[in-house]
C-alpha cells in the first residue's frame, strides 16, 4: 500500500509540475509591423548601411519627412545614389528599431555630367 501511495504522490507531483509549465507564458515579442515607403534618396552612407530618404507620408506610421534608415541588404544599398526614387518596406519592431527591406528603384537619378 505504501508503494502505491508513493507512486500516486509522484504522479500527482508530476501533473502539478506539468500544469505549471503549461501555464507559463513566454515573453511576448514585439509585434513586427510593415509599411510601404515611397521617396527620394538624399544621401547614401554605405559604411554605416544607411540611406537618408525624403519620403512621402507613410499611412498609419508617420508623416512625410527626411530621415535616415538602415538598409541591411548590402547589394540593394550599393545600387542606390542620391536622386533615385525608391519604394521599400519599412519594418518596425519597436519605436526605436526600424529598417528598410525590399528596396526597389522606381526611377534612377539622372546621370550627372
PDB file of N, CA and C in Angstrom:
ATOM      1  N   UNK A   1       0.813  -1.192   0.000  1.00  0.00           N
ATOM      2  CA  UNK A   1       0.000   0.000   0.000  1.00  0.00           C
ATOM      3  C   UNK A   1       0.861   1.263   0.000  1.00  0.00           C
ATOM      4  N   UNK A   2       1.941   1.274   0.771  1.00  0.00           N
ATOM      5  CA  UNK A   2       2.817   2.443   0.841  1.00  0.00           C
ATOM      6  C   UNK A   2       3.455   2.717  -0.522  1.00  0.00           C
ATOM      7  N   UNK A   3       3.763   1.652  -1.226  1.00  0.00           N
ATOM      8  CA  UNK A   3       4.362   1.833  -2.550  1.00  0.00           C
ATOM      9  C   UNK A   3       3.373   2.502  -3.506  1.00  0.00           C
ATOM     10  N   UNK A   4       2.117   2.084  -3.450  1.00  0.00           N
ATOM     11  CA  UNK A   4       1.086   2.688  -4.295  1.00  0.00           C
ATOM     12  C   UNK A   4       0.906   4.163  -3.958  1.00  0.00           C
ATOM     13  N   UNK A   5       0.986   4.497  -2.712  1.00  0.00           N
ATOM     14  CA  UNK A   5       0.847   5.895  -2.278  1.00  0.00           C
ATOM     15  C   UNK A   5       2.009   6.740  -2.809  1.00  0.00           C
ATOM     16  N   UNK A   6       3.212   6.187  -2.756  1.00  0.00           N
ATOM     17  CA  UNK A   6       4.364   6.916  -3.297  1.00  0.00           C
ATOM     18  C   UNK A   6       4.222   7.132  -4.801  1.00  0.00           C
ATOM     19  N   UNK A   7       3.767   6.097  -5.503  1.00  0.00           N
ATOM     20  CA  UNK A   7       3.563   6.225  -6.957  1.00  0.00           C
ATOM     21  C   UNK A   7       2.489   7.269  -7.232  1.00  0.00           C
ATOM     22  N   UNK A   8       1.402   7.237  -6.468  1.00  0.00           N
ATOM     23  CA  UNK A   8       0.325   8.207  -6.646  1.00  0.00           C
ATOM     24  C   UNK A   8       0.822   9.625  -6.368  1.00  0.00           C
ATOM     25  N   UNK A   9       1.567   9.832  -5.296  1.00  0.00           N
ATOM     26  CA  UNK A   9       2.098  11.165  -4.976  1.00  0.00           C
ATOM     27  C   UNK A   9       3.096  11.633  -6.033  1.00  0.00           C
ATOM     28  N   UNK A  10       3.922  10.710  -6.525  1.00  0.00           N
ATOM     29  CA  UNK A  10       4.875  11.054  -7.583  1.00  0.00           C
ATOM     30  C   UNK A  10       4.122  11.464  -8.846  1.00  0.00           C
ATOM     31  N   UNK A  11       3.071  10.717  -9.172  1.00  0.00           N
ATOM     32  CA  UNK A  11       2.273  11.040 -10.344  1.00  0.00           C
ATOM     33  C   UNK A  11       1.595  12.400 -10.176  1.00  0.00           C
ATOM     34  N   UNK A  12       1.030  12.673  -9.013  1.00  0.00           N
ATOM     35  CA  UNK A  12       0.377  13.959  -8.754  1.00  0.00           C
ATOM     36  C   UNK A  12       1.390  15.110  -8.801  1.00  0.00           C
ATOM     37  N   UNK A  13       2.575  14.876  -8.262  1.00  0.00           N
ATOM     38  CA  UNK A  13       3.621  15.892  -8.306  1.00  0.00           C
ATOM     39  C   UNK A  13       4.013  16.183  -9.759  1.00  0.00           C
ATOM     40  N   UNK A  14       4.129  15.132 -10.565  1.00  0.00           N
ATOM     41  CA  UNK A  14       4.437  15.300 -11.976  1.00  0.00           C
ATOM     42  C   UNK A  14       3.335  16.092 -12.683  1.00  0.00           C
ATOM     43  N   UNK A  15       2.074  15.789 -12.427  1.00  0.00           N
ATOM     44  CA  UNK A  15       0.965  16.515 -13.036  1.00  0.00           C
ATOM     45  C   UNK A  15       0.987  17.990 -12.641  1.00  0.00           C
ATOM     46  N   UNK A  16       1.279  18.246 -11.374  1.00  0.00           N
ATOM     47  CA  UNK A  16       1.355  19.624 -10.892  1.00  0.00           C
ATOM     48  C   UNK A  16       2.471  20.379 -11.613  1.00  0.00           C
ATOM     49  N   UNK A  17       3.623  19.757 -11.761  1.00  0.00           N
ATOM     50  CA  UNK A  17       4.750  20.369 -12.470  1.00  0.00           C
ATOM     51  C   UNK A  17       4.389  20.620 -13.934  1.00  0.00           C
ATOM     52  N   UNK A  18       3.754  19.639 -14.580  1.00  0.00           N
ATOM     53  CA  UNK A  18       3.357  19.795 -15.984  1.00  0.00           C
ATOM     54  C   UNK A  18       2.353  20.941 -16.137  1.00  0.00           C
ATOM     55  N   UNK A  19       1.410  21.056 -15.213  1.00  0.00           N
ATOM     56  CA  UNK A  19       0.430  22.144 -15.273  1.00  0.00           C
ATOM     57  C   UNK A  19       1.110  23.499 -15.110  1.00  0.00           C
ATOM     58  N   UNK A  20       2.112  23.561 -14.245  1.00  0.00           N
ATOM     59  CA  UNK A  20       2.839  24.816 -14.051  1.00  0.00           C
ATOM     60  C   UNK A  20       3.588  25.199 -15.323  1.00  0.00           C
ATOM     61  N   UNK A  21       4.183  24.238 -15.992  1.00  0.00           N
ATOM     62  CA  UNK A  21       4.888  24.531 -17.248  1.00  0.00           C
ATOM     63  C   UNK A  21       3.935  25.022 -18.330  1.00  0.00           C
ATOM     64  N   UNK A  22       2.776  24.397 -18.421  1.00  0.00           N
ATOM     65  CA  UNK A  22       1.805  24.787 -19.442  1.00  0.00           C
ATOM     66  C   UNK A  22       1.283  26.191 -19.175  1.00  0.00           C
ATOM     67  N   UNK A  23       1.146  26.564 -17.917  1.00  0.00           N
ATOM     68  CA  UNK A  23       0.578  27.877 -17.592  1.00  0.00           C
ATOM     69  C   UNK A  23       1.583  29.009 -17.760  1.00  0.00           C
ATOM     70  N   UNK A  24       2.868  28.693 -17.901  1.00  0.00           N
ATOM     71  CA  UNK A  24       3.867  29.741 -18.114  1.00  0.00           C
ATOM     72  C   UNK A  24       3.725  30.297 -19.519  1.00  0.00           C
ATOM     73  N   UNK A  25       3.778  31.614 -19.626  1.00  0.00           N
ATOM     74  CA  UNK A  25       3.691  32.260 -20.932  1.00  0.00           C
ATOM     75  C   UNK A  25       5.046  32.838 -21.274  1.00  0.00           C
ATOM     76  N   UNK A  26       5.549  32.543 -22.473  1.00  0.00           N
ATOM     77  CA  UNK A  26       6.819  33.160 -22.869  1.00  0.00           C
ATOM     78  C   UNK A  26       6.636  34.662 -22.996  1.00  0.00           C
ATOM     79  N   UNK A  27       7.735  35.398 -22.852  1.00  0.00           N
ATOM     80  CA  UNK A  27       7.660  36.842 -23.015  1.00  0.00           C
ATOM     81  C   UNK A  27       7.158  37.157 -24.412  1.00  0.00           C
ATOM     82  N   UNK A  28       6.258  38.121 -24.481  1.00  0.00           N
ATOM     83  CA  UNK A  28       5.736  38.495 -25.785  1.00  0.00           C
ATOM     84  C   UNK A  28       6.812  39.211 -26.580  1.00  0.00           C
ATOM     85  N   UNK A  29       6.927  38.835 -27.835  1.00  0.00           N
ATOM     86  CA  UNK A  29       7.863  39.504 -28.728  1.00  0.00           C
ATOM     87  C   UNK A  29       7.209  40.783 -29.237  1.00  0.00           C
ATOM     88  N   UNK A  30       8.035  41.746 -29.562  1.00  0.00           N
ATOM     89  CA  UNK A  30       7.448  42.954 -30.129  1.00  0.00           C
ATOM     90  C   UNK A  30       6.725  42.608 -31.428  1.00  0.00           C
ATOM     91  N   UNK A  31       5.612  43.230 -31.614  1.00  0.00           N
ATOM     92  CA  UNK A  31       4.832  42.980 -32.826  1.00  0.00           C
ATOM     93  C   UNK A  31       5.514  43.679 -33.999  1.00  0.00           C
ATOM     94  N   UNK A  32       5.896  42.918 -35.009  1.00  0.00           N
ATOM     95  CA  UNK A  32       6.540  43.482 -36.186  1.00  0.00           C
ATOM     96  C   UNK A  32       5.467  44.042 -37.104  1.00  0.00           C
ATOM     97  N   UNK A  33       5.680  45.286 -37.522  1.00  0.00           N
ATOM     98  CA  UNK A  33       4.753  45.937 -38.441  1.00  0.00           C
ATOM     99  C   UNK A  33       5.503  46.298 -39.712  1.00  0.00           C
ATOM    100  N   UNK A  34       4.797  46.354 -40.823  1.00  0.00           N
ATOM    101  CA  UNK A  34       5.391  46.699 -42.118  1.00  0.00           C
ATOM    102  C   UNK A  34       4.558  47.773 -42.790  1.00  0.00           C
ATOM    103  N   UNK A  35       5.271  48.699 -43.422  1.00  0.00           N
ATOM    104  CA  UNK A  35       4.628  49.795 -44.140  1.00  0.00           C
ATOM    105  C   UNK A  35       5.367  49.998 -45.453  1.00  0.00           C
ATOM    106  N   UNK A  36       4.674  50.574 -46.430  1.00  0.00           N
ATOM    107  CA  UNK A  36       5.305  50.886 -47.715  1.00  0.00           C
ATOM    108  C   UNK A  36       5.810  52.316 -47.679  1.00  0.00           C
ATOM    109  N   UNK A  37       7.070  52.491 -48.031  1.00  0.00           N
ATOM    110  CA  UNK A  37       7.710  53.802 -48.083  1.00  0.00           C
ATOM    111  C   UNK A  37       7.961  54.150 -49.539  1.00  0.00           C
ATOM    112  N   UNK A  38       7.665  55.399 -49.906  1.00  0.00           N
ATOM    113  CA  UNK A  38       7.985  55.923 -51.235  1.00  0.00           C
ATOM    114  C   UNK A  38       8.718  57.230 -51.031  1.00  0.00           C
ATOM    115  N   UNK A  39       9.847  57.377 -51.707  1.00  0.00           N
ATOM    116  CA  UNK A  39      10.601  58.604 -51.520  1.00  0.00           C
ATOM    117  C   UNK A  39      11.786  58.713 -52.454  1.00  0.00           C
ATOM    118  N   UNK A  40      12.626  59.723 -52.157  1.00  0.00           N
ATOM    119  CA  UNK A  40      13.801  60.015 -52.971  1.00  0.00           C
ATOM    120  C   UNK A  40      15.045  59.932 -52.087  1.00  0.00           C
ATOM    121  N   UNK A  41      16.072  59.284 -52.589  1.00  0.00           N
ATOM    122  CA  UNK A  41      17.333  59.163 -51.859  1.00  0.00           C
ATOM    123  C   UNK A  41      18.006  60.538 -51.813  1.00  0.00           C
ATOM    124  N   UNK A  42      18.350  60.981 -50.611  1.00  0.00           N
ATOM    125  CA  UNK A  42      19.065  62.243 -50.427  1.00  0.00           C
ATOM    126  C   UNK A  42      20.563  61.978 -50.352  1.00  0.00           C
ATOM    127  N   UNK A  43      20.940  60.939 -49.590  1.00  0.00           N
ATOM    128  CA  UNK A  43      22.350  60.562 -49.471  1.00  0.00           C
ATOM    129  C   UNK A  43      22.443  59.091 -49.088  1.00  0.00           C
ATOM    130  N   UNK A  44      23.622  58.527 -49.344  1.00  0.00           N
ATOM    131  CA  UNK A  44      23.866  57.118 -49.030  1.00  0.00           C
ATOM    132  C   UNK A  44      25.135  57.032 -48.199  1.00  0.00           C
ATOM    133  N   UNK A  45      25.052  56.342 -47.061  1.00  0.00           N
ATOM    134  CA  UNK A  45      26.194  56.122 -46.180  1.00  0.00           C
ATOM    135  C   UNK A  45      26.456  54.618 -46.152  1.00  0.00           C
ATOM    136  N   UNK A  46      27.245  54.142 -47.111  1.00  0.00           N
ATOM    137  CA  UNK A  46      27.472  52.704 -47.265  1.00  0.00           C
ATOM    138  C   UNK A  46      28.215  52.114 -46.068  1.00  0.00           C
ATOM    139  N   UNK A  47      29.095  52.896 -45.487  1.00  0.00           N
ATOM    140  CA  UNK A  47      29.869  52.413 -44.339  1.00  0.00           C
ATOM    141  C   UNK A  47      28.969  52.064 -43.152  1.00  0.00           C
ATOM    142  N   UNK A  48      27.928  52.856 -42.936  1.00  0.00           N
ATOM    143  CA  UNK A  48      27.007  52.633 -41.813  1.00  0.00           C
ATOM    144  C   UNK A  48      25.706  51.962 -42.240  1.00  0.00           C
ATOM    145  N   UNK A  49      25.646  51.482 -43.498  1.00  0.00           N
ATOM    146  CA  UNK A  49      24.478  50.760 -44.017  1.00  0.00           C
ATOM    147  C   UNK A  49      23.200  51.585 -43.921  1.00  0.00           C
ATOM    148  N   UNK A  50      23.288  52.874 -44.252  1.00  0.00           N
ATOM    149  CA  UNK A  50      22.134  53.753 -44.147  1.00  0.00           C
ATOM    150  C   UNK A  50      21.954  54.592 -45.400  1.00  0.00           C
ATOM    151  N   UNK A  51      20.712  55.018 -45.589  1.00  0.00           N
ATOM    152  CA  UNK A  51      20.392  55.972 -46.642  1.00  0.00           C
ATOM    153  C   UNK A  51      19.447  57.002 -46.038  1.00  0.00           C
ATOM    154  N   UNK A  52      19.688  58.263 -46.360  1.00  0.00           N
ATOM    155  CA  UNK A  52      18.778  59.321 -45.948  1.00  0.00           C
ATOM    156  C   UNK A  52      17.770  59.486 -47.074  1.00  0.00           C
ATOM    157  N   UNK A  53      16.509  59.472 -46.705  1.00  0.00           N
ATOM    158  CA  UNK A  53      15.430  59.464 -47.691  1.00  0.00           C
ATOM    159  C   UNK A  53      14.416  60.545 -47.356  1.00  0.00           C
ATOM    160  N   UNK A  54      14.036  61.308 -48.364  1.00  0.00           N
ATOM    161  CA  UNK A  54      12.932  62.251 -48.249  1.00  0.00           C
ATOM    162  C   UNK A  54      11.700  61.482 -48.709  1.00  0.00           C
ATOM    163  N   UNK A  55      10.845  61.106 -47.768  1.00  0.00           N
ATOM    164  CA  UNK A  55       9.736  60.218 -48.131  1.00  0.00           C
ATOM    165  C   UNK A  55       8.373  60.873 -47.933  1.00  0.00           C
ATOM    166  N   UNK A  56       7.427  60.319 -48.652  1.00  0.00           N
ATOM    167  CA  UNK A  56       6.031  60.742 -48.537  1.00  0.00           C
ATOM    168  C   UNK A  56       5.476  60.271 -47.196  1.00  0.00           C
ATOM    169  N   UNK A  57       4.282  60.703 -46.893  1.00  0.00           N
ATOM    170  CA  UNK A  57       3.576  60.236 -45.691  1.00  0.00           C
ATOM    171  C   UNK A  57       3.461  58.711 -45.759  1.00  0.00           C
ATOM    172  N   UNK A  58       3.688  58.061 -44.627  1.00  0.00           N
ATOM    173  CA  UNK A  58       3.530  56.613 -44.535  1.00  0.00           C
ATOM    174  C   UNK A  58       2.256  56.384 -43.727  1.00  0.00           C
ATOM    175  N   UNK A  59       1.131  56.107 -44.402  1.00  0.00           N
ATOM    176  CA  UNK A  59      -0.148  55.977 -43.698  1.00  0.00           C
ATOM    177  C   UNK A  59      -0.079  54.982 -42.537  1.00  0.00           C
ATOM    178  N   UNK A  60      -0.559  55.418 -41.391  1.00  0.00           N
ATOM    179  CA  UNK A  60      -0.574  54.577 -40.197  1.00  0.00           C
ATOM    180  C   UNK A  60       0.728  54.549 -39.432  1.00  0.00           C
ATOM    181  N   UNK A  61       1.753  55.275 -39.935  1.00  0.00           N
ATOM    182  CA  UNK A  61       3.040  55.232 -39.251  1.00  0.00           C
ATOM    183  C   UNK A  61       3.625  56.617 -39.004  1.00  0.00           C
ATOM    184  N   UNK A  62       3.858  57.423 -40.067  1.00  0.00           N
ATOM    185  CA  UNK A  62       4.448  58.746 -39.858  1.00  0.00           C
ATOM    186  C   UNK A  62       4.141  59.679 -41.017  1.00  0.00           C
ATOM    187  N   UNK A  63       4.310  60.956 -40.730  1.00  0.00           N
ATOM    188  CA  UNK A  63       4.117  61.983 -41.743  1.00  0.00           C
ATOM    189  C   UNK A  63       5.323  62.027 -42.672  1.00  0.00           C
ATOM    190  N   UNK A  64       5.181  62.779 -43.759  1.00  0.00           N
ATOM    191  CA  UNK A  64       6.287  62.947 -44.706  1.00  0.00           C
ATOM    192  C   UNK A  64       7.442  63.646 -44.002  1.00  0.00           C
ATOM    193  N   UNK A  65       8.642  63.187 -44.260  1.00  0.00           N
ATOM    194  CA  UNK A  65       9.836  63.803 -43.669  1.00  0.00           C
ATOM    195  C   UNK A  65      11.078  63.258 -44.339  1.00  0.00           C
ATOM    196  N   UNK A  66      12.213  63.799 -43.951  1.00  0.00           N
ATOM    197  CA  UNK A  66      13.501  63.304 -44.417  1.00  0.00           C
ATOM    198  C   UNK A  66      14.211  62.695 -43.216  1.00  0.00           C
ATOM    199  N   UNK A  67      14.605  61.440 -43.350  1.00  0.00           N
ATOM    200  CA  UNK A  67      15.309  60.772 -42.255  1.00  0.00           C
ATOM    201  C   UNK A  67      16.145  59.620 -42.776  1.00  0.00           C
ATOM    202  N   UNK A  68      17.053  59.147 -41.937  1.00  0.00           N
ATOM    203  CA  UNK A  68      17.934  58.025 -42.299  1.00  0.00           C
ATOM    204  C   UNK A  68      17.294  56.711 -41.903  1.00  0.00           C
ATOM    205  N   UNK A  69      17.500  55.726 -42.738  1.00  0.00           N
ATOM    206  CA  UNK A  69      17.029  54.368 -42.479  1.00  0.00           C
ATOM    207  C   UNK A  69      18.184  53.402 -42.683  1.00  0.00           C
ATOM    208  N   UNK A  70      18.225  52.376 -41.871  1.00  0.00           N
ATOM    209  CA  UNK A  70      19.180  51.284 -42.050  1.00  0.00           C
ATOM    210  C   UNK A  70      18.672  50.416 -43.196  1.00  0.00           C
ATOM    211  N   UNK A  71      19.597  50.009 -44.064  1.00  0.00           N
ATOM    212  CA  UNK A  71      19.288  49.070 -45.142  1.00  0.00           C
ATOM    213  C   UNK A  71      20.238  47.893 -44.961  1.00  0.00           C
ATOM    214  N   UNK A  72      19.705  46.777 -44.511  1.00  0.00           N
ATOM    215  CA  UNK A  72      20.533  45.615 -44.200  1.00  0.00           C
ATOM    216  C   UNK A  72      21.049  44.905 -45.444  1.00  0.00           C
ATOM    217  N   UNK A  73      20.299  44.968 -46.543  1.00  0.00           N
ATOM    218  CA  UNK A  73      20.692  44.307 -47.787  1.00  0.00           C
ATOM    219  C   UNK A  73      21.794  45.123 -48.461  1.00  0.00           C
ATOM    220  N   UNK A  74      23.018  44.658 -48.338  1.00  0.00           N
ATOM    221  CA  UNK A  74      24.181  45.379 -48.862  1.00  0.00           C
ATOM    222  C   UNK A  74      24.115  45.555 -50.372  1.00  0.00           C
ATOM    223  N   UNK A  75      23.617  44.565 -51.088  1.00  0.00           N
ATOM    224  CA  UNK A  75      23.516  44.664 -52.550  1.00  0.00           C
ATOM    225  C   UNK A  75      22.556  45.779 -52.951  1.00  0.00           C
ATOM    226  N   UNK A  76      21.446  45.902 -52.257  1.00  0.00           N
ATOM    227  CA  UNK A  76      20.483  46.970 -52.550  1.00  0.00           C
ATOM    228  C   UNK A  76      21.094  48.322 -52.236  1.00  0.00           C
ATOM    229  N   UNK A  77      21.807  48.413 -51.124  1.00  0.00           N
ATOM    230  CA  UNK A  77      22.435  49.674 -50.714  1.00  0.00           C
ATOM    231  C   UNK A  77      23.461  50.136 -51.747  1.00  0.00           C
ATOM    232  N   UNK A  78      24.218  49.208 -52.304  1.00  0.00           N
ATOM    233  CA  UNK A  78      25.260  49.543 -53.278  1.00  0.00           C
ATOM    234  C   UNK A  78      24.684  50.161 -54.553  1.00  0.00           C
ATOM    235  N   UNK A  79      23.444  49.835 -54.886  1.00  0.00           N
ATOM    236  CA  UNK A  79      22.829  50.335 -56.113  1.00  0.00           C
ATOM    237  C   UNK A  79      22.254  51.741 -55.971  1.00  0.00           C
ATOM    238  N   UNK A  80      22.068  52.195 -54.740  1.00  0.00           N
ATOM    239  CA  UNK A  80      21.397  53.480 -54.527  1.00  0.00           C
ATOM    240  C   UNK A  80      22.335  54.664 -54.717  1.00  0.00           C
ATOM    241  N   UNK A  81      21.767  55.747 -55.232  1.00  0.00           N
ATOM    242  CA  UNK A  81      22.504  57.001 -55.351  1.00  0.00           C
ATOM    243  C   UNK A  81      21.522  58.149 -55.148  1.00  0.00           C
ATOM    244  N   UNK A  82      22.020  59.300 -54.706  1.00  0.00           N
ATOM    245  CA  UNK A  82      21.142  60.450 -54.489  1.00  0.00           C
ATOM    246  C   UNK A  82      20.319  60.761 -55.746  1.00  0.00           C
ATOM    247  N   UNK A  83      19.053  61.030 -55.520  1.00  0.00           N
ATOM    248  CA  UNK A  83      18.140  61.347 -56.609  1.00  0.00           C
ATOM    249  C   UNK A  83      17.300  60.172 -57.073  1.00  0.00           C
ATOM    250  N   UNK A  84      17.681  58.937 -56.697  1.00  0.00           N
ATOM    251  CA  UNK A  84      16.878  57.766 -57.061  1.00  0.00           C
ATOM    252  C   UNK A  84      15.529  57.827 -56.347  1.00  0.00           C
ATOM    253  N   UNK A  85      14.471  57.544 -57.097  1.00  0.00           N
ATOM    254  CA  UNK A  85      13.152  57.411 -56.498  1.00  0.00           C
ATOM    255  C   UNK A  85      12.973  55.945 -56.145  1.00  0.00           C
ATOM    256  N   UNK A  86      12.603  55.684 -54.893  1.00  0.00           N
ATOM    257  CA  UNK A  86      12.507  54.292 -54.449  1.00  0.00           C
ATOM    258  C   UNK A  86      11.157  53.984 -53.826  1.00  0.00           C
ATOM    259  N   UNK A  87      10.940  52.696 -53.687  1.00  0.00           N
ATOM    260  CA  UNK A  87       9.837  52.165 -52.900  1.00  0.00           C
ATOM    261  C   UNK A  87      10.460  51.059 -52.061  1.00  0.00           C
ATOM    262  N   UNK A  88      10.051  50.942 -50.814  1.00  0.00           N
ATOM    263  CA  UNK A  88      10.626  49.921 -49.929  1.00  0.00           C
ATOM    264  C   UNK A  88       9.632  49.585 -48.831  1.00  0.00           C
ATOM    265  N   UNK A  89       9.904  48.501 -48.135  1.00  0.00           N
ATOM    266  CA  UNK A  89       9.108  48.130 -46.973  1.00  0.00           C
ATOM    267  C   UNK A  89       9.829  48.615 -45.723  1.00  0.00           C
ATOM    268  N   UNK A  90       9.138  49.393 -44.900  1.00  0.00           N
ATOM    269  CA  UNK A  90       9.680  49.787 -43.603  1.00  0.00           C
ATOM    270  C   UNK A  90       9.268  48.699 -42.625  1.00  0.00           C
ATOM    271  N   UNK A  91      10.236  48.071 -41.982  1.00  0.00           N
ATOM    272  CA  UNK A  91       9.967  47.039 -40.986  1.00  0.00           C
ATOM    273  C   UNK A  91      10.197  47.678 -39.622  1.00  0.00           C
ATOM    274  N   UNK A  92       9.168  47.643 -38.777  1.00  0.00           N
ATOM    275  CA  UNK A  92       9.225  48.293 -37.471  1.00  0.00           C
ATOM    276  C   UNK A  92       9.015  47.243 -36.392  1.00  0.00           C
ATOM    277  N   UNK A  93      10.002  47.106 -35.499  1.00  0.00           N
ATOM    278  CA  UNK A  93       9.863  46.183 -34.371  1.00  0.00           C
ATOM    279  C   UNK A  93       9.560  46.919 -33.082  1.00  0.00           C
ATOM    280  N   UNK A  94       9.981  48.148 -32.983  1.00  0.00           N
ATOM    281  CA  UNK A  94       9.668  48.979 -31.824  1.00  0.00           C
ATOM    282  C   UNK A  94       9.842  50.424 -32.260  1.00  0.00           C
ATOM    283  N   UNK A  95       9.530  51.346 -31.368  1.00  0.00           N
ATOM    284  CA  UNK A  95       9.624  52.749 -31.733  1.00  0.00           C
ATOM    285  C   UNK A  95      11.033  53.169 -32.118  1.00  0.00           C
ATOM    286  N   UNK A  96      12.032  52.458 -31.617  1.00  0.00           N
ATOM    287  CA  UNK A  96      13.404  52.850 -31.936  1.00  0.00           C
ATOM    288  C   UNK A  96      14.135  51.829 -32.808  1.00  0.00           C
ATOM    289  N   UNK A  97      13.402  50.875 -33.386  1.00  0.00           N
ATOM    290  CA  UNK A  97      14.046  49.886 -34.234  1.00  0.00           C
ATOM    291  C   UNK A  97      13.252  49.708 -35.527  1.00  0.00           C
ATOM    292  N   UNK A  98      13.771  50.301 -36.605  1.00  0.00           N
ATOM    293  CA  UNK A  98      13.140  50.181 -37.916  1.00  0.00           C
ATOM    294  C   UNK A  98      14.229  50.122 -38.981  1.00  0.00           C
ATOM    295  N   UNK A  99      13.940  49.449 -40.068  1.00  0.00           N
ATOM    296  CA  UNK A  99      14.877  49.353 -41.175  1.00  0.00           C
ATOM    297  C   UNK A  99      14.088  49.138 -42.457  1.00  0.00           C
ATOM    298  N   UNK A 100      14.790  49.204 -43.596  1.00  0.00           N
ATOM    299  CA  UNK A 100      14.148  49.007 -44.887  1.00  0.00           C
ATOM    300  C   UNK A 100      14.493  47.646 -45.460  1.00  0.00           C
ATOM    301  N   UNK A 101      13.508  47.019 -46.072  1.00  0.00           N
ATOM    302  CA  UNK A 101      13.688  45.771 -46.804  1.00  0.00           C
ATOM    303  C   UNK A 101      13.043  45.927 -48.176  1.00  0.00           C
ATOM    304  N   UNK A 102      13.382  45.040 -49.079  1.00  0.00           N
ATOM    305  CA  UNK A 102      12.779  45.009 -50.417  1.00  0.00           C
ATOM    306  C   UNK A 102      12.847  46.368 -51.098  1.00  0.00           C
ATOM    307  N   UNK A 103      14.022  46.972 -51.077  1.00  0.00           N
ATOM    308  CA  UNK A 103      14.217  48.288 -51.691  1.00  0.00           C
ATOM    309  C   UNK A 103      14.175  48.129 -53.211  1.00  0.00           C
ATOM    310  N   UNK A 104      13.309  48.923 -53.839  1.00  0.00           N
ATOM    311  CA  UNK A 104      13.149  48.876 -55.287  1.00  0.00           C
ATOM    312  C   UNK A 104      13.366  50.275 -55.863  1.00  0.00           C
ATOM    313  N   UNK A 105      14.215  50.381 -56.842  1.00  0.00           N
ATOM    314  CA  UNK A 105      14.427  51.676 -57.501  1.00  0.00           C
ATOM    315  C   UNK A 105      13.340  51.817 -58.561  1.00  0.00           C
ATOM    316  N   UNK A 106      12.496  52.820 -58.395  1.00  0.00           N
ATOM    317  CA  UNK A 106      11.401  53.053 -59.326  1.00  0.00           C
ATOM    318  C   UNK A 106      11.848  53.943 -60.490  1.00  0.00           C
ATOM    319  N   UNK A 107      12.784  54.855 -60.201  1.00  0.00           N
ATOM    320  CA  UNK A 107      13.307  55.745 -61.234  1.00  0.00           C
ATOM    321  C   UNK A 107      14.716  56.147 -60.829  1.00  0.00           C
ATOM    322  N   UNK A 108      15.675  55.854 -61.704  1.00  0.00           N
ATOM    323  CA  UNK A 108      17.072  56.203 -61.416  1.00  0.00           C
ATOM    324  C   UNK A 108      17.267  57.711 -61.538  1.00  0.00           C
ATOM    325  N   UNK A 109      18.191  58.226 -60.749  1.00  0.00           N
ATOM    326  CA  UNK A 109      18.548  59.644 -60.819  1.00  0.00           C
ATOM    327  C   UNK A 109      19.209  59.921 -62.158  1.00  0.00           C
ATOM    328  N   UNK A 110      19.005  61.126 -62.689  1.00  0.00           N
ATOM    329  CA  UNK A 110      19.696  61.469 -63.935  1.00  0.00           C
ATOM    330  C   UNK A 110      21.217  61.411 -63.728  1.00  0.00           C
ATOM    331  N   UNK A 111      21.912  60.977 -64.748  1.00  0.00           N
ATOM    332  CA  UNK A 111      23.369  60.885 -64.687  1.00  0.00           C
ATOM    333  C   UNK A 111      23.936  62.293 -64.717  1.00  0.00           C
ATOM    334  N   UNK A 112      24.804  62.597 -63.737  1.00  0.00           N
ATOM    335  CA  UNK A 112      25.436  63.922 -63.661  1.00  0.00           C
ATOM    336  C   UNK A 112      26.658  63.953 -64.564  1.00  0.00           C
ATOM    337  N   UNK A 113      26.769  64.983 -65.408  1.00  0.00           N
ATOM    338  CA  UNK A 113      27.940  65.055 -66.301  1.00  0.00           C
ATOM    339  C   UNK A 113      29.210  65.363 -65.551  1.00  0.00           C
TER     340      UNK A 113
END
